[in-house]
Amino acid sequence: MRHLILDTETTGLDPRQDHRIIEIAVLELVDRRPTGRTLHMHLDPEREIDAGATEVHGMRWDDLRGKPKFGDIAAELIAFLQGAEWIIHNAPFDVGFLDAEFSRHGHPLCDVHAARIIDTLAMAREAFPGRRNSLDALCERFGVDNSGRTLHGALLDAQLLSEVWLSMTRGQDALAIDLTPPAPLRESLRRDGGGPGERPPLIVLPPSADELAAHASYLAALDKQTKGGCVWLALERDAATATDAAAPAPASAAA
């Protein structure tokens, strides 16, 4: 599965008031792993940037004069975006600006190019109702280091969002179990005996003390991040409680 983490910076808040995109960053993930492929561009907006927007991202029009205009990079951007699932924090904002730019230059809108658009802000609001769900808040909640984010920037924000999204969705892709062994294993089984009763014995490699300690440390950190929501530790606690309840009471001391 190909996912693209996307973020933009703009001259203001509303594309209907002719505000424009000044920076766009896209990071590629395939099967939930970064591929190293990115698209990152600064753009000349052909207009002034609102003072409030400059306070957020630190850029002025003078910084961007001479950069490519959106129309110059639209075809390259569309080729990179085509057919993937897009992951965006507060997707209506970025999609609204992209749709305005695509329309201005005669290109189809975002829903034609994207296989699906995933809004991590909507996901966070559903998972954490009533709590702050800004990108900074989610970085803090999931233990993502955002200490370098003094100003908004499309590339840095996309990198942070990729870590946040992977943390938010950890484990979702591992729920389906494929019971069919891979081809090399099937061939090995045929060579070594064929029938289920003739398969070689299963080799069990117990974890080392260091591996057990690392596992326990990871679970403790996950439990802290989710405020007691680590299912593995909850199951261990339930099992320990059940074992204690089933144990026979100690014999009374003789008088």
Protein backbone atom coordinates (compact mmCIF):
# COMPACT_ATOMS: atom_id res chain seq x y z
CA MET A 1 0.00 0.00 0.00
CA ARG A 2 1.33 3.43 -0.99
CA HIS A 3 0.65 6.33 1.39
CA LEU A 4 1.69 9.95 1.00
CA ILE A 5 2.06 12.30 3.97
CA LEU A 6 1.19 15.78 2.70
CA ASP A 7 1.43 19.26 4.17
CA THR A 8 1.26 22.81 2.80
CA GLU A 9 1.99 26.35 3.95
CA THR A 10 -0.03 29.23 2.51
CA THR A 11 -0.31 33.01 2.27
CA GLY A 12 -3.45 33.03 4.43
CA LEU A 13 -6.42 31.02 5.58
CA ASP A 14 -8.92 31.07 2.71
CA PRO A 15 -8.31 30.12 -0.93
CA ARG A 16 -11.61 31.81 -1.82
CA GLN A 17 -9.88 35.10 -0.99
CA ASP A 18 -7.16 34.27 -3.53
CA HIS A 19 -4.70 33.00 -0.93
CA ARG A 20 -2.11 30.67 -2.40
CA ILE A 21 0.16 27.77 -1.55
CA ILE A 22 3.77 28.83 -0.87
CA GLU A 23 5.25 25.48 0.25
CA ILE A 24 4.28 21.86 -0.26
CA ALA A 25 5.93 18.70 1.07
CA VAL A 26 5.01 15.09 0.33
CA LEU A 27 6.67 12.02 1.91
CA GLU A 28 6.14 8.53 0.51
CA LEU A 29 5.47 5.41 2.60
CA VAL A 30 5.06 1.96 1.08
CA ASP A 31 3.71 -0.76 3.36
CA ARG A 32 4.08 1.69 6.26
CA ARG A 33 7.82 2.17 5.65
CA PRO A 34 9.43 5.42 4.43
CA THR A 35 10.91 4.94 0.96
CA GLY A 36 13.08 8.07 1.05
CA ARG A 37 11.16 9.55 -1.89
CA THR A 38 9.95 13.08 -1.17
CA LEU A 39 8.63 16.06 -3.05
CA HIS A 40 9.37 19.43 -1.42
CA MET A 41 8.92 22.78 -3.13
CA HIS A 42 8.73 26.46 -2.24
CA LEU A 43 6.51 28.47 -4.57
CA ASP A 44 6.12 32.09 -5.60
CA PRO A 45 2.53 32.97 -4.61
CA GLU A 46 2.40 36.03 -6.87
CA ARG A 47 0.90 38.04 -3.99
CA GLU A 48 1.65 39.36 -0.51
CA ILE A 49 1.57 37.02 2.49
CA ASP A 50 -0.68 37.92 5.41
CA ALA A 51 1.21 39.02 8.52
CA GLY A 52 -0.58 36.39 10.60
CA ALA A 53 0.57 33.64 8.22
CA THR A 54 4.17 34.92 8.35
CA GLU A 55 4.06 34.65 12.15
CA VAL A 56 3.19 30.95 11.73
CA HIS A 57 5.72 29.89 9.09
CA GLY A 58 8.18 32.79 8.97
CA MET A 59 8.06 33.38 5.19
CA ARG A 60 7.46 36.62 3.29
CA TRP A 61 6.83 37.19 -0.40
CA ASP A 62 10.35 38.57 -0.81
CA ASP A 63 11.71 35.20 0.32
CA LEU A 64 9.84 33.47 -2.51
CA ARG A 65 10.21 35.79 -5.50
CA GLY A 66 11.82 33.89 -8.34
CA LYS A 67 10.71 30.48 -7.06
CA PRO A 68 8.59 28.31 -9.39
CA LYS A 69 4.89 29.12 -9.56
CA PHE A 70 2.29 26.44 -8.88
CA GLY A 71 1.49 26.11 -12.57
CA ASP A 72 5.15 25.29 -13.23
CA ILE A 73 5.17 22.28 -10.90
CA ALA A 74 1.54 21.08 -11.17
CA ALA A 75 2.23 18.23 -13.60
CA GLU A 76 5.18 16.91 -11.53
CA LEU A 77 3.12 17.14 -8.34
CA ILE A 78 0.14 15.31 -9.86
CA ALA A 79 2.40 12.52 -11.15
CA PHE A 80 3.82 12.01 -7.64
CA LEU A 81 0.40 12.15 -5.93
CA GLN A 82 -1.44 9.92 -8.38
CA GLY A 83 -3.27 6.85 -7.07
CA ALA A 84 -1.98 6.85 -3.47
CA GLU A 85 -3.77 7.33 -0.17
CA TRP A 86 -3.07 10.83 1.15
CA ILE A 87 -2.60 11.44 4.87
CA ILE A 88 -3.15 15.06 5.93
CA HIS A 89 -3.71 16.75 9.29
CA ASN A 90 -6.82 18.91 8.90
CA ALA A 91 -7.31 17.67 5.35
CA PRO A 92 -10.11 20.11 4.34
CA PHE A 93 -7.65 23.01 4.68
CA ASP A 94 -4.91 21.58 2.44
CA VAL A 95 -7.33 19.97 0.00
CA GLY A 96 -9.21 23.26 -0.34
CA PHE A 97 -6.00 25.05 -1.34
CA LEU A 98 -4.90 22.26 -3.68
CA ASP A 99 -8.31 22.17 -5.35
CA ALA A 100 -8.16 25.95 -5.87
CA GLU A 101 -4.68 25.68 -7.42
CA PHE A 102 -5.60 22.71 -9.63
CA SER A 103 -8.75 24.47 -10.80
CA ARG A 104 -6.85 27.71 -11.50
CA HIS A 105 -4.49 25.83 -13.82
CA GLY A 106 -7.05 23.58 -15.50
CA HIS A 107 -6.33 20.30 -13.69
CA PRO A 108 -8.81 17.84 -12.11
CA LEU A 109 -9.43 18.21 -8.38
CA CYS A 110 -7.86 16.18 -5.56
CA ASP A 111 -10.49 13.43 -5.41
CA VAL A 112 -9.56 12.44 -8.98
CA HIS A 113 -5.87 12.04 -8.12
CA ALA A 114 -6.12 10.45 -4.65
CA ALA A 115 -7.21 6.87 -4.02
CA ARG A 116 -8.37 8.07 -0.60
CA ILE A 117 -7.81 11.07 1.67
CA ILE A 118 -7.22 10.35 5.38
CA ASP A 119 -7.68 13.22 7.84
CA THR A 120 -5.60 12.58 10.96
CA LEU A 121 -7.30 15.46 12.77
CA ALA A 122 -10.69 13.74 12.33
CA MET A 123 -9.13 10.44 13.46
CA ALA A 124 -7.67 12.10 16.57
CA ARG A 125 -10.96 13.82 17.46
CA GLU A 126 -12.74 10.47 17.29
CA ALA A 127 -10.05 8.71 19.34
CA PHE A 128 -9.52 11.53 21.87
CA PRO A 129 -12.77 13.51 22.12
CA GLY A 130 -12.58 16.71 24.12
CA ARG A 131 -8.78 16.81 24.09
CA ARG A 132 -6.31 18.98 22.16
CA ASN A 133 -5.55 17.29 18.86
CA SER A 134 -3.17 19.69 17.15
CA LEU A 135 -0.05 18.18 15.60
CA ASP A 136 2.00 19.40 18.58
CA ALA A 137 -0.47 17.81 21.02
CA LEU A 138 -0.37 14.50 19.15
CA CYS A 139 3.44 14.56 19.09
CA GLU A 140 3.41 14.93 22.87
CA ARG A 141 0.76 12.22 23.27
CA PHE A 142 2.66 9.68 21.18
CA GLY A 143 6.18 10.58 22.28
CA VAL A 144 7.26 12.09 18.93
CA ASP A 145 10.11 14.60 19.32
CA ASN A 146 8.93 17.95 17.95
CA SER A 147 11.47 20.10 19.80
CA GLY A 148 12.75 21.51 16.50
CA ARG A 149 9.34 22.87 15.50
CA THR A 150 9.65 26.52 16.45
CA LEU A 151 7.87 27.56 13.23
CA HIS A 152 5.55 25.63 10.95
CA GLY A 153 7.21 24.20 7.85
CA ALA A 154 5.67 21.78 5.37
CA LEU A 155 8.58 19.32 5.30
CA LEU A 156 9.11 19.14 9.06
CA ASP A 157 5.37 18.93 9.69
CA ALA A 158 5.02 16.10 7.17
CA GLN A 159 7.88 14.21 8.86
CA LEU A 160 6.26 14.63 12.29
CA LEU A 161 2.85 13.64 10.93
CA SER A 162 4.26 10.45 9.44
CA GLU A 163 5.49 9.38 12.90
CA VAL A 164 2.21 10.39 14.53
CA TRP A 165 0.12 8.49 11.96
CA LEU A 166 2.25 5.36 12.31
CA SER A 167 1.81 5.55 16.09
CA MET A 168 -1.96 6.15 15.81
CA THR A 169 -2.44 3.16 13.51
CA ARG A 170 0.16 0.78 14.95
CA GLY A 171 -1.11 -2.81 14.76
CA GLN A 172 -4.02 -2.18 12.40
CA ASP A 173 -2.28 -3.83 9.48
CA ALA A 174 -1.44 -6.96 11.52
CA LEU A 175 -5.00 -8.11 12.29
CA ALA A 176 -5.43 -10.34 9.25
CA ILE A 177 -3.69 -13.73 9.55
CA ASP A 178 -2.55 -15.51 6.40
CA LEU A 179 -2.58 -19.25 7.13
CA THR A 180 -0.96 -20.17 3.81
CA PRO A 181 2.81 -20.66 4.20
CA PRO A 182 5.00 -18.76 1.74
CA ALA A 183 6.15 -20.57 -1.40
CA PRO A 184 9.73 -21.37 -0.19
CA LEU A 185 8.35 -22.92 3.00
CA ARG A 186 5.74 -24.95 1.08
CA GLU A 187 8.51 -26.30 -1.17
CA SER A 188 10.64 -27.15 1.89
CA LEU A 189 7.76 -29.05 3.45
CA ARG A 190 7.23 -31.04 0.28
CA ARG A 191 10.94 -31.95 0.13
CA ASP A 192 11.12 -32.90 3.81
CA GLY A 193 8.14 -35.21 3.95
CA GLY A 194 5.02 -33.66 2.49
CA GLY A 195 2.19 -34.67 4.85
CA PRO A 196 1.34 -32.68 7.99
CA GLY A 197 2.37 -35.61 10.17
CA GLU A 198 5.79 -35.77 8.55
CA ARG A 199 6.81 -32.12 8.93
CA PRO A 200 10.05 -31.42 10.81
CA PRO A 201 9.64 -30.39 14.45
CA LEU A 202 8.95 -26.75 15.18
CA ILE A 203 12.05 -24.96 16.47
CA VAL A 204 11.29 -22.66 19.41
CA LEU A 205 13.85 -19.99 20.25
CA PRO A 206 13.19 -18.58 23.73
CA PRO A 207 13.95 -14.88 24.17
CA SER A 208 17.10 -13.87 25.99
CA ALA A 209 17.05 -11.91 29.25
CA ASP A 210 18.02 -8.75 27.34
CA GLU A 211 15.19 -9.27 24.84
CA LEU A 212 12.68 -9.79 27.66
CA ALA A 213 13.90 -6.63 29.39
CA ALA A 214 13.65 -4.62 26.14
CA HIS A 215 10.13 -5.97 25.59
CA ALA A 216 9.08 -5.01 29.11
CA SER A 217 10.58 -1.52 28.68
CA TYR A 218 8.71 -1.02 25.39
CA LEU A 219 5.40 -2.11 26.93
CA ALA A 220 5.91 0.20 29.91
CA ALA A 221 6.56 3.17 27.59
CA LEU A 222 3.52 2.28 25.47
CA ASP A 223 1.36 1.96 28.58
CA LYS A 224 2.52 5.40 29.75
CA GLN A 225 1.83 7.01 26.35
CA THR A 226 -1.68 5.52 26.23
CA LYS A 227 -2.36 6.23 29.92
CA GLY A 228 -2.87 2.59 30.87
CA GLY A 229 -4.22 1.47 27.50
CA CYS A 230 -1.60 -1.19 26.66
CA VAL A 231 -3.71 -4.32 26.02
CA TRP A 232 -0.76 -6.71 26.45
CA LEU A 233 -0.07 -5.50 29.99
CA ALA A 234 -3.79 -5.56 30.80
CA LEU A 235 -3.93 -9.22 29.73
CA GLU A 236 -0.87 -10.01 31.84
CA ARG A 237 -2.49 -8.35 34.87
CA ASP A 238 -5.75 -10.26 34.29
CA ALA A 239 -3.85 -13.54 33.99
CA ALA A 240 -1.94 -12.86 37.20
CA THR A 241 -5.18 -12.04 39.04
CA ALA A 242 -6.82 -15.25 37.76
CA THR A 243 -3.80 -17.31 38.85
CA ASP A 244 -3.85 -15.79 42.34
CA ALA A 245 -7.58 -16.45 42.65
CA ALA A 246 -7.18 -20.11 41.62
CA ALA A 247 -4.27 -20.82 43.99
CA PRO A 248 -5.21 -22.89 47.09
CA ALA A 249 -5.25 -21.08 50.39
CA PRO A 250 -2.20 -21.81 52.59
CA ALA A 251 -2.71 -24.48 55.26
CA SER A 252 -3.33 -23.17 58.80
CA ALA A 253 -0.41 -23.52 61.19
CA ALA A 254 -0.78 -26.35 63.71
CA ALA A 255 -1.93 -25.22 67.15
